[in-house]
């Protein structure tokens, strides 16, 4: 990933959940917030409601692939956490990649502009 570092600390995830904006869909929930750094930070969450370990890992692989394919289109300097929902298991990878590229990136940019207008 070109402009991205991985979010690992629980504190960062909780801060993003509380103070960030979210975009909900039937596949995922995307939390975004500006971080003021020259790179993005990215995290993925897939809870036990998704299914067993095989299902959770597939969901995380789909999300990672979609992010990697549309990373260049995203603004730089944001924190992103994507939470998988059970709907992501019923679709193919190219379908979610197209969804994320078409709608996810647009919604992320719109929510980042709302932060900057405050």
N, C-alpha and C. Protein backbone atom coordinates (compact mmCIF):
# COMPACT_ATOMS: atom_id res chain seq x y z
N UNK A 1 0.84 -1.17 0.00
CA UNK A 1 0.00 0.00 0.00
C UNK A 1 0.89 1.24 0.00
N UNK A 2 0.61 2.10 -0.93
CA UNK A 2 1.51 3.22 -1.20
C UNK A 2 1.55 4.27 -0.10
N UNK A 3 0.39 4.82 0.23
CA UNK A 3 0.33 5.95 1.15
C UNK A 3 -0.27 5.55 2.50
N UNK A 4 -0.15 4.29 2.87
CA UNK A 4 -0.92 3.80 4.00
C UNK A 4 -0.08 3.08 5.02
N UNK A 5 -0.39 3.33 6.28
CA UNK A 5 0.15 2.55 7.39
C UNK A 5 -1.04 1.87 8.06
N UNK A 6 -0.78 0.80 8.77
CA UNK A 6 -1.84 0.00 9.37
C UNK A 6 -2.15 0.50 10.77
N UNK A 7 -3.44 0.64 11.08
CA UNK A 7 -3.88 0.97 12.44
C UNK A 7 -3.84 -0.30 13.27
N UNK A 8 -3.21 -0.24 14.43
CA UNK A 8 -3.12 -1.42 15.28
C UNK A 8 -3.61 -1.17 16.70
N UNK A 9 -3.45 0.05 17.20
CA UNK A 9 -3.79 0.33 18.59
C UNK A 9 -5.31 0.43 18.78
N UNK A 10 -5.79 -0.21 19.83
CA UNK A 10 -7.21 -0.16 20.16
C UNK A 10 -7.64 1.28 20.43
N UNK A 11 -6.77 2.07 21.01
CA UNK A 11 -7.06 3.48 21.30
C UNK A 11 -7.39 4.24 20.03
N UNK A 12 -6.67 3.96 18.95
CA UNK A 12 -6.94 4.64 17.67
C UNK A 12 -8.29 4.23 17.10
N UNK A 13 -8.62 2.95 17.20
CA UNK A 13 -9.92 2.48 16.72
C UNK A 13 -11.05 3.14 17.50
N UNK A 14 -10.94 3.16 18.83
CA UNK A 14 -11.99 3.75 19.67
C UNK A 14 -12.14 5.24 19.41
N UNK A 15 -11.03 5.94 19.22
CA UNK A 15 -11.07 7.37 18.91
C UNK A 15 -11.80 7.62 17.60
N UNK A 16 -11.55 6.78 16.62
CA UNK A 16 -12.21 6.92 15.32
C UNK A 16 -13.70 6.62 15.42
N UNK A 17 -14.07 5.62 16.21
CA UNK A 17 -15.48 5.29 16.39
C UNK A 17 -16.23 6.44 17.07
N UNK A 18 -15.59 7.10 18.03
CA UNK A 18 -16.26 8.15 18.79
C UNK A 18 -16.27 9.50 18.07
N UNK A 19 -15.16 9.88 17.45
CA UNK A 19 -15.02 11.22 16.90
C UNK A 19 -15.07 11.29 15.38
N UNK A 20 -15.05 10.15 14.72
CA UNK A 20 -15.07 10.14 13.26
C UNK A 20 -16.47 10.12 12.70
N UNK A 21 -16.57 10.28 11.40
CA UNK A 21 -17.85 10.17 10.71
C UNK A 21 -17.94 8.76 10.12
N UNK A 22 -19.17 8.29 9.91
CA UNK A 22 -19.32 6.95 9.39
C UNK A 22 -20.21 6.93 8.15
N UNK A 23 -19.96 5.92 7.33
CA UNK A 23 -20.72 5.68 6.12
C UNK A 23 -21.20 4.24 6.20
N UNK A 24 -22.49 4.03 6.26
CA UNK A 24 -23.04 2.69 6.41
C UNK A 24 -23.61 2.19 5.09
N UNK A 25 -23.37 0.92 4.80
CA UNK A 25 -23.97 0.26 3.65
C UNK A 25 -24.31 -1.17 4.08
N UNK A 26 -24.87 -1.95 3.16
CA UNK A 26 -25.22 -3.31 3.53
C UNK A 26 -24.00 -4.22 3.58
N UNK A 27 -22.88 -3.79 3.04
CA UNK A 27 -21.66 -4.60 3.06
C UNK A 27 -20.72 -4.22 4.20
N UNK A 28 -20.55 -2.93 4.43
CA UNK A 28 -19.57 -2.46 5.42
C UNK A 28 -20.03 -1.18 6.07
N UNK A 29 -19.34 -0.83 7.15
CA UNK A 29 -19.46 0.50 7.76
C UNK A 29 -18.06 1.10 7.71
N UNK A 30 -17.94 2.29 7.15
CA UNK A 30 -16.64 2.93 6.99
C UNK A 30 -16.58 4.13 7.92
N UNK A 31 -15.58 4.16 8.79
CA UNK A 31 -15.35 5.30 9.69
C UNK A 31 -14.16 6.08 9.16
N UNK A 32 -14.29 7.40 9.05
CA UNK A 32 -13.21 8.25 8.54
C UNK A 32 -13.03 9.47 9.43
N UNK A 33 -11.78 9.95 9.45
CA UNK A 33 -11.44 11.15 10.20
C UNK A 33 -10.08 11.64 9.72
N UNK A 34 -9.90 12.95 9.55
CA UNK A 34 -8.57 13.45 9.16
C UNK A 34 -7.57 13.21 10.28
N UNK A 35 -6.32 12.90 9.89
CA UNK A 35 -5.30 12.65 10.91
C UNK A 35 -4.16 13.67 10.89
N UNK A 36 -4.10 14.55 9.91
CA UNK A 36 -3.08 15.59 9.88
C UNK A 36 -1.68 15.08 9.59
N UNK A 37 -1.56 13.91 9.01
CA UNK A 37 -0.26 13.33 8.68
C UNK A 37 -0.13 13.21 7.16
N UNK A 38 1.08 13.01 6.66
CA UNK A 38 1.25 12.90 5.20
C UNK A 38 0.97 11.50 4.67
N UNK A 39 0.23 10.69 5.41
CA UNK A 39 -0.12 9.34 4.97
C UNK A 39 -1.46 8.95 5.58
N UNK A 40 -2.07 7.93 5.03
CA UNK A 40 -3.32 7.40 5.56
C UNK A 40 -3.02 6.30 6.57
N UNK A 41 -3.97 6.08 7.47
CA UNK A 41 -3.88 4.93 8.37
C UNK A 41 -5.16 4.12 8.17
N UNK A 42 -5.02 2.80 8.08
CA UNK A 42 -6.11 1.93 7.67
C UNK A 42 -6.25 0.75 8.61
N UNK A 43 -7.49 0.45 8.99
CA UNK A 43 -7.76 -0.70 9.84
C UNK A 43 -9.01 -1.43 9.37
N UNK A 44 -9.06 -2.74 9.67
CA UNK A 44 -10.21 -3.57 9.29
C UNK A 44 -10.69 -4.29 10.53
N UNK A 45 -12.01 -4.39 10.67
CA UNK A 45 -12.62 -5.14 11.76
C UNK A 45 -13.67 -6.08 11.18
N UNK A 46 -13.64 -7.32 11.63
CA UNK A 46 -14.67 -8.30 11.26
C UNK A 46 -15.02 -9.07 12.53
N UNK A 47 -16.20 -8.80 13.07
CA UNK A 47 -16.60 -9.42 14.33
C UNK A 47 -17.11 -10.83 14.16
N UNK A 48 -17.44 -11.47 15.26
CA UNK A 48 -17.90 -12.85 15.23
C UNK A 48 -19.28 -13.01 14.62
N UNK A 49 -20.04 -11.92 14.52
CA UNK A 49 -21.35 -12.01 13.88
C UNK A 49 -21.23 -12.34 12.40
N UNK A 50 -20.08 -12.09 11.80
CA UNK A 50 -19.84 -12.37 10.39
C UNK A 50 -19.88 -13.87 10.14
N UNK A 51 -19.31 -14.63 11.05
CA UNK A 51 -19.24 -16.08 10.88
C UNK A 51 -17.98 -16.62 11.50
N UNK A 52 -17.59 -17.80 11.04
CA UNK A 52 -16.38 -18.42 11.60
C UNK A 52 -15.12 -17.74 11.03
N UNK A 53 -13.97 -18.25 11.39
CA UNK A 53 -12.71 -17.62 11.02
C UNK A 53 -12.52 -17.56 9.51
N UNK A 54 -12.99 -18.57 8.81
CA UNK A 54 -12.86 -18.57 7.35
C UNK A 54 -13.65 -17.41 6.75
N UNK A 55 -14.86 -17.20 7.23
CA UNK A 55 -15.71 -16.10 6.73
C UNK A 55 -15.12 -14.75 7.07
N UNK A 56 -14.64 -14.60 8.29
CA UNK A 56 -14.06 -13.31 8.70
C UNK A 56 -12.81 -12.98 7.88
N UNK A 57 -11.98 -13.98 7.63
CA UNK A 57 -10.77 -13.74 6.84
C UNK A 57 -11.10 -13.41 5.39
N UNK A 58 -12.13 -14.05 4.83
CA UNK A 58 -12.54 -13.72 3.47
C UNK A 58 -13.05 -12.28 3.40
N UNK A 59 -13.82 -11.88 4.39
CA UNK A 59 -14.32 -10.50 4.42
C UNK A 59 -13.16 -9.52 4.49
N UNK A 60 -12.17 -9.81 5.32
CA UNK A 60 -11.02 -8.90 5.43
C UNK A 60 -10.21 -8.88 4.15
N UNK A 61 -10.09 -10.01 3.47
CA UNK A 61 -9.37 -10.04 2.18
C UNK A 61 -10.09 -9.18 1.14
N UNK A 62 -11.41 -9.28 1.09
CA UNK A 62 -12.18 -8.47 0.13
C UNK A 62 -12.00 -6.98 0.40
N UNK A 63 -12.07 -6.60 1.66
CA UNK A 63 -11.93 -5.19 2.03
C UNK A 63 -10.53 -4.70 1.70
N UNK A 64 -9.52 -5.49 2.02
CA UNK A 64 -8.14 -5.11 1.74
C UNK A 64 -7.91 -4.94 0.25
N UNK A 65 -8.46 -5.85 -0.56
CA UNK A 65 -8.32 -5.76 -2.01
C UNK A 65 -8.98 -4.51 -2.56
N UNK A 66 -10.20 -4.23 -2.09
CA UNK A 66 -10.91 -3.04 -2.57
C UNK A 66 -10.16 -1.76 -2.18
N UNK A 67 -9.62 -1.73 -0.97
CA UNK A 67 -8.86 -0.55 -0.54
C UNK A 67 -7.60 -0.38 -1.40
N UNK A 68 -6.90 -1.47 -1.62
CA UNK A 68 -5.66 -1.40 -2.40
C UNK A 68 -5.93 -0.94 -3.82
N UNK A 69 -7.05 -1.38 -4.41
CA UNK A 69 -7.37 -0.99 -5.79
C UNK A 69 -7.76 0.48 -5.92
N UNK A 70 -8.33 1.06 -4.88
CA UNK A 70 -8.78 2.45 -4.98
C UNK A 70 -7.99 3.40 -4.08
N UNK A 71 -6.84 2.98 -3.62
CA UNK A 71 -6.04 3.80 -2.70
C UNK A 71 -5.60 5.12 -3.34
N UNK A 72 -5.29 5.10 -4.60
CA UNK A 72 -4.80 6.30 -5.28
C UNK A 72 -5.89 7.37 -5.36
N UNK A 73 -7.15 6.95 -5.44
CA UNK A 73 -8.26 7.90 -5.56
C UNK A 73 -8.63 8.54 -4.22
N UNK A 74 -8.16 7.99 -3.10
CA UNK A 74 -8.51 8.51 -1.78
C UNK A 74 -7.66 9.72 -1.42
N UNK A 75 -8.21 10.65 -0.65
CA UNK A 75 -7.40 11.78 -0.18
C UNK A 75 -6.34 11.29 0.81
N UNK A 76 -5.24 12.01 0.91
CA UNK A 76 -4.16 11.62 1.82
C UNK A 76 -4.32 12.38 3.13
N UNK A 77 -3.99 11.71 4.24
CA UNK A 77 -4.06 12.34 5.55
C UNK A 77 -5.32 11.99 6.31
N UNK A 78 -5.82 10.77 6.13
CA UNK A 78 -7.04 10.37 6.83
C UNK A 78 -6.84 9.03 7.53
N UNK A 79 -7.63 8.81 8.57
CA UNK A 79 -7.73 7.51 9.22
C UNK A 79 -8.99 6.85 8.72
N UNK A 80 -8.89 5.57 8.36
CA UNK A 80 -10.04 4.82 7.85
C UNK A 80 -10.11 3.49 8.60
N UNK A 81 -11.28 3.18 9.12
CA UNK A 81 -11.55 1.84 9.65
C UNK A 81 -12.78 1.32 8.94
N UNK A 82 -12.67 0.12 8.40
CA UNK A 82 -13.79 -0.50 7.71
C UNK A 82 -14.24 -1.71 8.52
N UNK A 83 -15.51 -1.71 8.90
CA UNK A 83 -16.09 -2.79 9.68
C UNK A 83 -16.94 -3.63 8.74
N UNK A 84 -16.65 -4.93 8.67
CA UNK A 84 -17.37 -5.83 7.77
C UNK A 84 -18.75 -6.15 8.32
N UNK A 85 -19.71 -6.27 7.43
CA UNK A 85 -21.05 -6.75 7.77
C UNK A 85 -21.28 -8.07 7.06
N UNK A 86 -22.26 -8.81 7.48
CA UNK A 86 -22.47 -10.16 6.93
C UNK A 86 -22.84 -10.15 5.45
N UNK A 87 -23.35 -9.04 4.93
CA UNK A 87 -23.70 -8.95 3.51
C UNK A 87 -22.53 -9.09 2.57
N UNK A 88 -21.32 -8.85 3.07
CA UNK A 88 -20.14 -8.91 2.21
C UNK A 88 -19.79 -10.33 1.80
N UNK A 89 -20.29 -11.31 2.54
CA UNK A 89 -19.95 -12.70 2.24
C UNK A 89 -20.69 -13.23 1.02
N UNK A 90 -21.80 -12.62 0.65
CA UNK A 90 -22.59 -13.11 -0.46
C UNK A 90 -22.23 -12.53 -1.81
N UNK A 91 -21.16 -11.74 -1.89
CA UNK A 91 -20.80 -11.11 -3.17
C UNK A 91 -19.40 -11.51 -3.59
N UNK A 92 -19.11 -11.29 -4.86
CA UNK A 92 -17.77 -11.59 -5.39
C UNK A 92 -16.86 -10.40 -5.17
N UNK A 93 -15.57 -10.65 -5.27
CA UNK A 93 -14.58 -9.61 -4.96
C UNK A 93 -14.68 -8.43 -5.92
N UNK A 94 -14.87 -8.69 -7.21
CA UNK A 94 -14.93 -7.57 -8.15
C UNK A 94 -16.17 -6.71 -7.94
N UNK A 95 -17.24 -7.30 -7.42
CA UNK A 95 -18.45 -6.53 -7.13
C UNK A 95 -18.20 -5.55 -5.98
N UNK A 96 -17.54 -6.02 -4.93
CA UNK A 96 -17.25 -5.11 -3.81
C UNK A 96 -16.19 -4.08 -4.20
N UNK A 97 -15.21 -4.48 -5.00
CA UNK A 97 -14.20 -3.51 -5.44
C UNK A 97 -14.85 -2.38 -6.24
N UNK A 98 -15.77 -2.74 -7.13
CA UNK A 98 -16.48 -1.72 -7.90
C UNK A 98 -17.34 -0.84 -7.03
N UNK A 99 -18.01 -1.44 -6.05
CA UNK A 99 -18.83 -0.67 -5.12
C UNK A 99 -17.98 0.32 -4.34
N UNK A 100 -16.84 -0.15 -3.82
CA UNK A 100 -15.99 0.72 -3.01
C UNK A 100 -15.40 1.85 -3.86
N UNK A 101 -15.00 1.53 -5.07
CA UNK A 101 -14.42 2.54 -5.94
C UNK A 101 -15.45 3.59 -6.35
N UNK A 102 -16.70 3.15 -6.60
CA UNK A 102 -17.72 4.07 -7.08
C UNK A 102 -18.36 4.87 -5.95
N UNK A 103 -18.77 4.19 -4.88
CA UNK A 103 -19.50 4.86 -3.81
C UNK A 103 -18.65 5.17 -2.59
N UNK A 104 -17.80 4.23 -2.19
CA UNK A 104 -17.02 4.40 -0.97
C UNK A 104 -16.09 5.59 -1.03
N UNK A 105 -15.35 5.72 -2.11
CA UNK A 105 -14.39 6.82 -2.25
C UNK A 105 -15.12 8.16 -2.27
N UNK A 106 -16.24 8.23 -2.98
CA UNK A 106 -17.01 9.47 -3.06
C UNK A 106 -17.54 9.88 -1.69
N UNK A 107 -18.07 8.92 -0.94
CA UNK A 107 -18.60 9.21 0.39
C UNK A 107 -17.49 9.60 1.36
N UNK A 108 -16.33 8.97 1.26
CA UNK A 108 -15.20 9.32 2.13
C UNK A 108 -14.78 10.77 1.86
N UNK A 109 -14.66 11.14 0.59
CA UNK A 109 -14.28 12.52 0.26
C UNK A 109 -15.31 13.52 0.76
N UNK A 110 -16.60 13.18 0.65
CA UNK A 110 -17.65 14.07 1.11
C UNK A 110 -17.58 14.26 2.62
N UNK A 111 -17.35 13.18 3.36
CA UNK A 111 -17.28 13.28 4.82
C UNK A 111 -16.01 14.01 5.29
N UNK A 112 -14.92 13.87 4.58
CA UNK A 112 -13.70 14.61 4.93
C UNK A 112 -13.92 16.11 4.71
N UNK A 113 -14.65 16.48 3.65
CA UNK A 113 -14.95 17.91 3.43
C UNK A 113 -15.80 18.48 4.55
N UNK A 114 -16.70 17.68 5.12
CA UNK A 114 -17.53 18.16 6.24
C UNK A 114 -16.66 18.44 7.45
N UNK A 115 -15.61 17.64 7.67
CA UNK A 115 -14.70 17.90 8.77
C UNK A 115 -13.96 19.21 8.57
N UNK A 116 -13.56 19.47 7.32
CA UNK A 116 -12.78 20.67 7.04
C UNK A 116 -13.63 21.93 7.09
N UNK A 117 -14.95 21.81 6.91
CA UNK A 117 -15.83 22.98 6.97
C UNK A 117 -16.18 23.38 8.38
N UNK A 118 -15.90 22.55 9.36
CA UNK A 118 -16.23 22.88 10.75
C UNK A 118 -15.40 24.01 11.28
